Amino acid sequence: MELIKHPLNNLIILSLFIVLMSGISSAFAGTEHHRLVIQVSSNDPLTQKIALNNAVNLQKHYGMDNITIEVVAFGPGLGLLTTKSSQAGRVKSLALQDIKFSACSNTMKVMAKKTGKKPELIEGVGQVAAGVARIIGLQEQGYSYIRP
């Protein structure tokens, strides 16, 4: 068989074999791991509720071990992550269920300047320097993006 004796053909055959085997091993390993970032930049309670519903529904759909979810709030959407939010209890509960929440520090500084005090974040909520920059960084790491 002359085709296999040529070094380039061996490389092609080896590459095809590796691709085939990785596809087979993925099928046996179960589902792949998904990564999602959800933007919240609206102070509309319905929009905020939909964002949380999206996170919960996708976690149920893929399974908690098969998806990483981060909700990033900035601008008017930051209110979702403060102790004054109508969704505060739910955010705190979801943070305990491996859904990460990130508040924009830039927005917090602007709010502190306007009101004279920094907004109080819900327990379990983290801070990032800039919400939009965090979203860009996550997308560059392969996260899918949604904005309800």
N, C-alpha and C. Protein backbone atom coordinates (compact mmCIF):
# COMPACT_ATOMS: atom_id res chain seq x y z
N MET A 1 0.84 -1.18 0.00
CA MET A 1 0.00 0.00 0.00
C MET A 1 0.89 1.24 0.00
N GLU A 2 1.00 1.90 -1.12
CA GLU A 2 1.91 3.02 -1.32
C GLU A 2 1.49 4.29 -0.57
N LEU A 3 0.19 4.51 -0.39
CA LEU A 3 -0.28 5.74 0.26
C LEU A 3 0.25 5.89 1.67
N ILE A 4 0.27 4.83 2.43
CA ILE A 4 0.67 4.91 3.84
C ILE A 4 2.16 5.13 3.98
N LYS A 5 2.95 4.77 2.99
CA LYS A 5 4.40 4.94 3.10
C LYS A 5 4.84 6.40 3.03
N HIS A 6 4.03 7.26 2.46
CA HIS A 6 4.39 8.68 2.37
C HIS A 6 4.16 9.34 3.73
N PRO A 7 5.15 10.08 4.29
CA PRO A 7 5.02 10.68 5.63
C PRO A 7 3.82 11.62 5.77
N LEU A 8 3.48 12.38 4.75
CA LEU A 8 2.34 13.30 4.82
C LEU A 8 1.04 12.53 4.95
N ASN A 9 0.92 11.43 4.27
CA ASN A 9 -0.28 10.59 4.37
C ASN A 9 -0.41 10.02 5.78
N ASN A 10 0.71 9.63 6.38
CA ASN A 10 0.66 9.13 7.75
C ASN A 10 0.14 10.20 8.70
N LEU A 11 0.57 11.43 8.48
CA LEU A 11 0.12 12.54 9.31
C LEU A 11 -1.38 12.78 9.14
N ILE A 12 -1.85 12.70 7.91
CA ILE A 12 -3.28 12.89 7.65
C ILE A 12 -4.09 11.78 8.32
N ILE A 13 -3.64 10.56 8.18
CA ILE A 13 -4.35 9.42 8.78
C ILE A 13 -4.35 9.55 10.30
N LEU A 14 -3.22 9.92 10.89
CA LEU A 14 -3.13 10.10 12.34
C LEU A 14 -4.07 11.22 12.80
N SER A 15 -4.11 12.31 12.05
CA SER A 15 -5.00 13.43 12.41
C SER A 15 -6.46 13.01 12.37
N LEU A 16 -6.84 12.30 11.34
CA LEU A 16 -8.22 11.82 11.24
C LEU A 16 -8.56 10.87 12.39
N PHE A 17 -7.63 10.03 12.74
CA PHE A 17 -7.83 9.09 13.84
C PHE A 17 -8.06 9.85 15.15
N ILE A 18 -7.25 10.87 15.40
CA ILE A 18 -7.37 11.66 16.63
C ILE A 18 -8.73 12.37 16.67
N VAL A 19 -9.14 12.96 15.55
CA VAL A 19 -10.43 13.64 15.50
C VAL A 19 -11.56 12.65 15.76
N LEU A 20 -11.49 11.49 15.13
CA LEU A 20 -12.50 10.46 15.32
C LEU A 20 -12.56 10.01 16.77
N MET A 21 -11.42 9.77 17.39
CA MET A 21 -11.38 9.30 18.77
C MET A 21 -11.86 10.37 19.74
N SER A 22 -11.53 11.63 19.48
CA SER A 22 -11.99 12.69 20.39
C SER A 22 -13.50 12.83 20.31
N GLY A 23 -14.09 12.65 19.15
CA GLY A 23 -15.54 12.68 19.02
C GLY A 23 -16.19 11.53 19.76
N ILE A 24 -15.59 10.37 19.68
CA ILE A 24 -16.12 9.20 20.37
C ILE A 24 -16.00 9.38 21.88
N SER A 25 -14.85 9.88 22.34
CA SER A 25 -14.67 10.05 23.79
C SER A 25 -15.60 11.12 24.34
N SER A 26 -15.91 12.16 23.54
CA SER A 26 -16.86 13.18 23.99
C SER A 26 -18.25 12.59 24.15
N ALA A 27 -18.61 11.71 23.26
CA ALA A 27 -19.93 11.08 23.35
C ALA A 27 -20.05 10.23 24.61
N PHE A 28 -18.96 9.56 24.98
CA PHE A 28 -18.98 8.72 26.18
C PHE A 28 -18.81 9.53 27.46
N ALA A 29 -18.20 10.69 27.36
CA ALA A 29 -17.93 11.50 28.54
C ALA A 29 -19.17 12.26 29.00
N GLY A 30 -20.22 12.28 28.22
CA GLY A 30 -21.42 13.02 28.59
C GLY A 30 -21.44 14.36 27.87
N THR A 31 -22.12 15.32 28.44
CA THR A 31 -22.24 16.60 27.78
C THR A 31 -21.01 17.46 28.01
N GLU A 32 -20.80 18.38 27.10
CA GLU A 32 -19.67 19.29 27.25
C GLU A 32 -20.00 20.36 28.28
N HIS A 33 -18.98 21.05 28.74
CA HIS A 33 -19.18 22.10 29.74
C HIS A 33 -19.47 23.42 29.01
N HIS A 34 -20.53 24.08 29.41
CA HIS A 34 -20.94 25.34 28.81
C HIS A 34 -20.58 26.48 29.75
N ARG A 35 -20.35 27.66 29.16
CA ARG A 35 -20.04 28.87 29.94
C ARG A 35 -20.91 30.00 29.41
N LEU A 36 -21.53 30.72 30.33
CA LEU A 36 -22.48 31.77 29.94
C LEU A 36 -22.30 33.00 30.80
N VAL A 37 -22.33 34.16 30.15
CA VAL A 37 -22.38 35.42 30.87
C VAL A 37 -23.70 36.09 30.51
N ILE A 38 -24.39 36.58 31.54
CA ILE A 38 -25.67 37.26 31.36
C ILE A 38 -25.49 38.72 31.77
N GLN A 39 -25.80 39.62 30.85
CA GLN A 39 -25.70 41.06 31.12
C GLN A 39 -27.00 41.57 31.72
N VAL A 40 -26.88 42.33 32.81
CA VAL A 40 -28.03 43.03 33.38
C VAL A 40 -27.65 44.51 33.46
N SER A 41 -28.28 45.30 32.59
CA SER A 41 -27.99 46.73 32.57
C SER A 41 -29.28 47.56 32.58
N SER A 42 -30.37 46.91 32.95
CA SER A 42 -31.67 47.57 33.01
C SER A 42 -32.20 47.52 34.44
N ASN A 43 -32.88 48.59 34.85
CA ASN A 43 -33.49 48.58 36.18
C ASN A 43 -34.93 48.06 36.14
N ASP A 44 -35.37 47.58 34.98
CA ASP A 44 -36.71 47.03 34.84
C ASP A 44 -36.82 45.71 35.62
N PRO A 45 -37.71 45.63 36.60
CA PRO A 45 -37.83 44.41 37.42
C PRO A 45 -38.13 43.15 36.60
N LEU A 46 -38.94 43.28 35.54
CA LEU A 46 -39.26 42.12 34.71
C LEU A 46 -38.02 41.62 33.97
N THR A 47 -37.24 42.54 33.43
CA THR A 47 -36.01 42.17 32.72
C THR A 47 -35.04 41.48 33.68
N GLN A 48 -34.92 42.01 34.89
CA GLN A 48 -34.03 41.41 35.88
C GLN A 48 -34.51 40.01 36.27
N LYS A 49 -35.81 39.85 36.42
CA LYS A 49 -36.37 38.54 36.75
C LYS A 49 -36.10 37.55 35.62
N ILE A 50 -36.25 38.00 34.38
CA ILE A 50 -35.98 37.14 33.23
C ILE A 50 -34.52 36.71 33.21
N ALA A 51 -33.61 37.62 33.55
CA ALA A 51 -32.18 37.27 33.60
C ALA A 51 -31.94 36.14 34.60
N LEU A 52 -32.54 36.26 35.77
CA LEU A 52 -32.38 35.22 36.79
C LEU A 52 -33.05 33.91 36.35
N ASN A 53 -34.22 34.03 35.72
CA ASN A 53 -34.90 32.84 35.20
C ASN A 53 -34.04 32.13 34.15
N ASN A 54 -33.40 32.91 33.27
CA ASN A 54 -32.52 32.32 32.26
C ASN A 54 -31.41 31.51 32.92
N ALA A 55 -30.81 32.08 33.95
CA ALA A 55 -29.72 31.39 34.65
C ALA A 55 -30.21 30.09 35.27
N VAL A 56 -31.33 30.14 35.95
CA VAL A 56 -31.88 28.94 36.60
C VAL A 56 -32.27 27.89 35.57
N ASN A 57 -32.96 28.32 34.52
CA ASN A 57 -33.42 27.37 33.51
C ASN A 57 -32.26 26.69 32.79
N LEU A 58 -31.21 27.44 32.49
CA LEU A 58 -30.06 26.83 31.82
C LEU A 58 -29.29 25.90 32.75
N GLN A 59 -29.24 26.26 34.02
CA GLN A 59 -28.58 25.37 34.98
C GLN A 59 -29.36 24.06 35.10
N LYS A 60 -30.67 24.14 35.08
CA LYS A 60 -31.50 22.92 35.11
C LYS A 60 -31.34 22.13 33.82
N HIS A 61 -31.32 22.82 32.69
CA HIS A 61 -31.23 22.17 31.39
C HIS A 61 -29.93 21.38 31.22
N TYR A 62 -28.81 22.03 31.52
CA TYR A 62 -27.51 21.40 31.31
C TYR A 62 -27.03 20.61 32.52
N GLY A 63 -27.56 20.93 33.69
CA GLY A 63 -27.07 20.33 34.93
C GLY A 63 -26.03 21.26 35.55
N MET A 64 -26.06 21.38 36.86
CA MET A 64 -25.17 22.33 37.56
C MET A 64 -23.70 22.10 37.25
N ASP A 65 -23.31 20.85 37.06
CA ASP A 65 -21.91 20.54 36.81
C ASP A 65 -21.49 20.78 35.37
N ASN A 66 -22.44 21.09 34.50
CA ASN A 66 -22.13 21.21 33.07
C ASN A 66 -22.23 22.64 32.54
N ILE A 67 -22.43 23.60 33.44
CA ILE A 67 -22.49 24.99 32.99
C ILE A 67 -21.96 25.92 34.09
N THR A 68 -21.21 26.91 33.65
CA THR A 68 -20.73 27.98 34.53
C THR A 68 -21.47 29.24 34.10
N ILE A 69 -22.10 29.89 35.06
CA ILE A 69 -22.90 31.08 34.75
C ILE A 69 -22.42 32.26 35.59
N GLU A 70 -22.23 33.39 34.92
CA GLU A 70 -21.91 34.63 35.64
C GLU A 70 -22.87 35.72 35.16
N VAL A 71 -23.50 36.37 36.13
CA VAL A 71 -24.39 37.50 35.86
C VAL A 71 -23.60 38.77 36.17
N VAL A 72 -23.45 39.63 35.18
CA VAL A 72 -22.70 40.87 35.36
C VAL A 72 -23.67 42.03 35.27
N ALA A 73 -23.72 42.84 36.34
CA ALA A 73 -24.65 43.97 36.40
C ALA A 73 -23.88 45.29 36.44
N PHE A 74 -24.36 46.24 35.64
CA PHE A 74 -23.76 47.58 35.63
C PHE A 74 -24.83 48.59 35.26
N GLY A 75 -24.47 49.86 35.41
CA GLY A 75 -25.44 50.92 35.11
C GLY A 75 -26.70 50.72 35.94
N PRO A 76 -27.87 51.02 35.36
CA PRO A 76 -29.13 50.88 36.10
C PRO A 76 -29.40 49.45 36.57
N GLY A 77 -28.75 48.47 35.95
CA GLY A 77 -28.95 47.07 36.34
C GLY A 77 -28.30 46.69 37.65
N LEU A 78 -27.41 47.55 38.15
CA LEU A 78 -26.70 47.23 39.40
C LEU A 78 -27.67 47.05 40.57
N GLY A 79 -28.81 47.73 40.51
CA GLY A 79 -29.80 47.62 41.58
C GLY A 79 -30.21 46.18 41.88
N LEU A 80 -30.14 45.31 40.89
CA LEU A 80 -30.47 43.89 41.09
C LEU A 80 -29.60 43.27 42.17
N LEU A 81 -28.36 43.74 42.29
CA LEU A 81 -27.40 43.10 43.19
C LEU A 81 -27.24 43.81 44.53
N THR A 82 -28.11 44.77 44.80
CA THR A 82 -28.03 45.49 46.09
C THR A 82 -29.05 44.92 47.07
N THR A 83 -28.82 45.21 48.33
CA THR A 83 -29.71 44.71 49.38
C THR A 83 -31.12 45.29 49.27
N LYS A 84 -31.29 46.37 48.52
CA LYS A 84 -32.61 46.98 48.33
C LYS A 84 -33.40 46.34 47.19
N SER A 85 -32.80 45.40 46.49
CA SER A 85 -33.45 44.74 45.35
C SER A 85 -34.63 43.87 45.78
N SER A 86 -35.69 43.89 44.98
CA SER A 86 -36.82 42.99 45.26
C SER A 86 -36.43 41.53 45.03
N GLN A 87 -35.32 41.31 44.36
CA GLN A 87 -34.83 39.95 44.07
C GLN A 87 -33.65 39.56 44.98
N ALA A 88 -33.42 40.32 46.04
CA ALA A 88 -32.24 40.09 46.89
C ALA A 88 -32.17 38.66 47.44
N GLY A 89 -33.27 38.15 47.94
CA GLY A 89 -33.28 36.79 48.48
C GLY A 89 -32.96 35.76 47.43
N ARG A 90 -33.50 35.97 46.25
CA ARG A 90 -33.25 35.03 45.15
C ARG A 90 -31.80 35.08 44.70
N VAL A 91 -31.23 36.28 44.58
CA VAL A 91 -29.83 36.42 44.19
C VAL A 91 -28.93 35.73 45.20
N LYS A 92 -29.19 35.95 46.48
CA LYS A 92 -28.39 35.31 47.54
C LYS A 92 -28.48 33.79 47.43
N SER A 93 -29.67 33.28 47.20
CA SER A 93 -29.88 31.83 47.07
C SER A 93 -29.15 31.28 45.84
N LEU A 94 -29.25 31.97 44.71
CA LEU A 94 -28.61 31.51 43.49
C LEU A 94 -27.08 31.56 43.58
N ALA A 95 -26.58 32.53 44.33
CA ALA A 95 -25.13 32.61 44.55
C ALA A 95 -24.62 31.36 45.28
N LEU A 96 -25.47 30.80 46.13
CA LEU A 96 -25.12 29.57 46.84
C LEU A 96 -25.24 28.34 45.94
N GLN A 97 -25.87 28.52 44.78
CA GLN A 97 -26.07 27.42 43.84
C GLN A 97 -25.14 27.55 42.63
N ASP A 98 -23.96 28.08 42.87
CA ASP A 98 -22.91 28.18 41.85
C ASP A 98 -23.20 29.13 40.69
N ILE A 99 -24.09 30.09 40.88
CA ILE A 99 -24.25 31.15 39.90
C ILE A 99 -23.50 32.35 40.45
N LYS A 100 -22.55 32.84 39.66
CA LYS A 100 -21.70 33.94 40.11
C LYS A 100 -22.34 35.27 39.72
N PHE A 101 -22.26 36.23 40.64
CA PHE A 101 -22.79 37.57 40.41
C PHE A 101 -21.66 38.57 40.56
N SER A 102 -21.54 39.47 39.56
CA SER A 102 -20.48 40.48 39.57
C SER A 102 -21.08 41.87 39.40
N ALA A 103 -20.73 42.75 40.33
CA ALA A 103 -21.19 44.14 40.30
C ALA A 103 -20.07 45.03 39.78
N CYS A 104 -20.44 45.98 38.96
CA CYS A 104 -19.48 46.91 38.36
C CYS A 104 -19.05 47.98 39.38
N SER A 105 -17.77 48.04 39.67
CA SER A 105 -17.24 49.03 40.61
C SER A 105 -17.37 50.45 40.07
N ASN A 106 -17.24 50.61 38.75
CA ASN A 106 -17.41 51.95 38.16
C ASN A 106 -18.81 52.48 38.46
N THR A 107 -19.81 51.64 38.27
CA THR A 107 -21.19 52.05 38.55
C THR A 107 -21.37 52.36 40.03
N MET A 108 -20.77 51.56 40.88
CA MET A 108 -20.88 51.78 42.32
C MET A 108 -20.29 53.14 42.72
N LYS A 109 -19.17 53.50 42.10
CA LYS A 109 -18.55 54.80 42.38
C LYS A 109 -19.46 55.95 41.95
N VAL A 110 -20.07 55.81 40.78
CA VAL A 110 -20.98 56.85 40.28
C VAL A 110 -22.19 56.98 41.21
N MET A 111 -22.73 55.85 41.65
CA MET A 111 -23.89 55.88 42.56
C MET A 111 -23.50 56.52 43.89
N ALA A 112 -22.31 56.20 44.38
CA ALA A 112 -21.85 56.77 45.65
C ALA A 112 -21.69 58.29 45.53
N LYS A 113 -21.22 58.74 44.38
CA LYS A 113 -21.05 60.17 44.15
C LYS A 113 -22.40 60.88 44.14
N LYS A 114 -23.40 60.24 43.51
CA LYS A 114 -24.73 60.85 43.40
C LYS A 114 -25.50 60.83 44.72
N THR A 115 -25.38 59.75 45.47
CA THR A 115 -26.19 59.59 46.69
C THR A 115 -25.44 59.88 47.97
N GLY A 116 -24.12 59.92 47.89
CA GLY A 116 -23.33 60.16 49.08
C GLY A 116 -22.94 58.89 49.82
N LYS A 117 -23.43 57.73 49.35
CA LYS A 117 -23.01 56.47 49.97
C LYS A 117 -22.96 55.35 48.94
N LYS A 118 -22.04 54.45 49.18
CA LYS A 118 -21.85 53.33 48.28
C LYS A 118 -23.00 52.33 48.45
N PRO A 119 -23.51 51.78 47.34
CA PRO A 119 -24.58 50.79 47.45
C PRO A 119 -24.10 49.54 48.21
N GLU A 120 -25.00 48.96 48.99
CA GLU A 120 -24.65 47.75 49.74
C GLU A 120 -25.03 46.54 48.89
N LEU A 121 -24.03 45.70 48.62
CA LEU A 121 -24.25 44.52 47.79
C LEU A 121 -24.77 43.35 48.61
N ILE A 122 -25.52 42.50 47.96
CA ILE A 122 -26.06 41.29 48.57
C ILE A 122 -24.90 40.35 48.90
N GLU A 123 -25.03 39.63 49.99
CA GLU A 123 -24.02 38.64 50.37
C GLU A 123 -23.82 37.65 49.22
N GLY A 124 -22.56 37.40 48.88
CA GLY A 124 -22.25 36.46 47.80
C GLY A 124 -21.99 37.13 46.46
N VAL A 125 -22.21 38.44 46.38
CA VAL A 125 -21.97 39.18 45.14
C VAL A 125 -20.55 39.72 45.16
N GLY A 126 -19.84 39.51 44.06
CA GLY A 126 -18.47 40.02 43.93
C GLY A 126 -18.46 41.32 43.14
N GLN A 127 -17.28 41.92 43.06
CA GLN A 127 -17.11 43.16 42.31
C GLN A 127 -16.07 42.98 41.23
N VAL A 128 -16.27 43.67 40.12
CA VAL A 128 -15.30 43.72 39.04
C VAL A 128 -15.04 45.20 38.77
N ALA A 129 -13.88 45.50 38.23
CA ALA A 129 -13.53 46.91 37.99
C ALA A 129 -14.53 47.58 37.05
N ALA A 130 -14.84 46.91 35.94
CA ALA A 130 -15.76 47.47 34.95
C ALA A 130 -16.62 46.34 34.39
N GLY A 131 -17.92 46.48 34.49
CA GLY A 131 -18.84 45.43 34.05
C GLY A 131 -18.69 45.08 32.58
N VAL A 132 -18.63 46.09 31.74
CA VAL A 132 -18.52 45.84 30.30
C VAL A 132 -17.19 45.14 29.99
N ALA A 133 -16.12 45.57 30.64
CA ALA A 133 -14.82 44.92 30.42
C ALA A 133 -14.86 43.46 30.89
N ARG A 134 -15.58 43.18 31.97
CA ARG A 134 -15.71 41.81 32.44
C ARG A 134 -16.42 40.94 31.40
N ILE A 135 -17.47 41.47 30.82
CA ILE A 135 -18.20 40.73 29.79
C ILE A 135 -17.30 40.45 28.59
N ILE A 136 -16.56 41.45 28.15
CA ILE A 136 -15.63 41.25 27.03
C ILE A 136 -14.62 40.16 27.38
N GLY A 137 -14.05 40.24 28.57
CA GLY A 137 -13.06 39.24 28.99
C GLY A 137 -13.63 37.83 29.02
N LEU A 138 -14.86 37.69 29.50
CA LEU A 138 -15.48 36.37 29.54
C LEU A 138 -15.76 35.85 28.13
N GLN A 139 -16.20 36.74 27.24
CA GLN A 139 -16.44 36.32 25.86
C GLN A 139 -15.13 35.88 25.20
N GLU A 140 -14.07 36.57 25.51
CA GLU A 140 -12.76 36.18 24.96
C GLU A 140 -12.30 34.84 25.50
N GLN A 141 -12.84 34.43 26.65
CA GLN A 141 -12.53 33.12 27.23
C GLN A 141 -13.50 32.04 26.73
N GLY A 142 -14.37 32.40 25.80
CA GLY A 142 -15.28 31.43 25.22
C GLY A 142 -16.67 31.37 25.83
N TYR A 143 -17.01 32.31 26.68
CA TYR A 143 -18.35 32.36 27.26
C TYR A 143 -19.36 32.79 26.20
N SER A 144 -20.53 32.18 26.22
CA SER A 144 -21.65 32.65 25.41
C SER A 144 -22.24 33.86 26.14
N TYR A 145 -22.93 34.70 25.40
CA TYR A 145 -23.44 35.96 25.96
C TYR A 145 -24.94 36.08 25.68
N ILE A 146 -25.68 36.44 26.73
CA ILE A 146 -27.08 36.81 26.50
C ILE A 146 -27.41 38.07 27.30
N ARG A 147 -28.36 38.80 26.76
CA ARG A 147 -28.87 39.99 27.44
C ARG A 147 -30.38 39.96 27.30
N PRO A 148 -31.07 39.65 28.38
CA PRO A 148 -32.54 39.57 28.29
C PRO A 148 -33.15 40.94 28.08
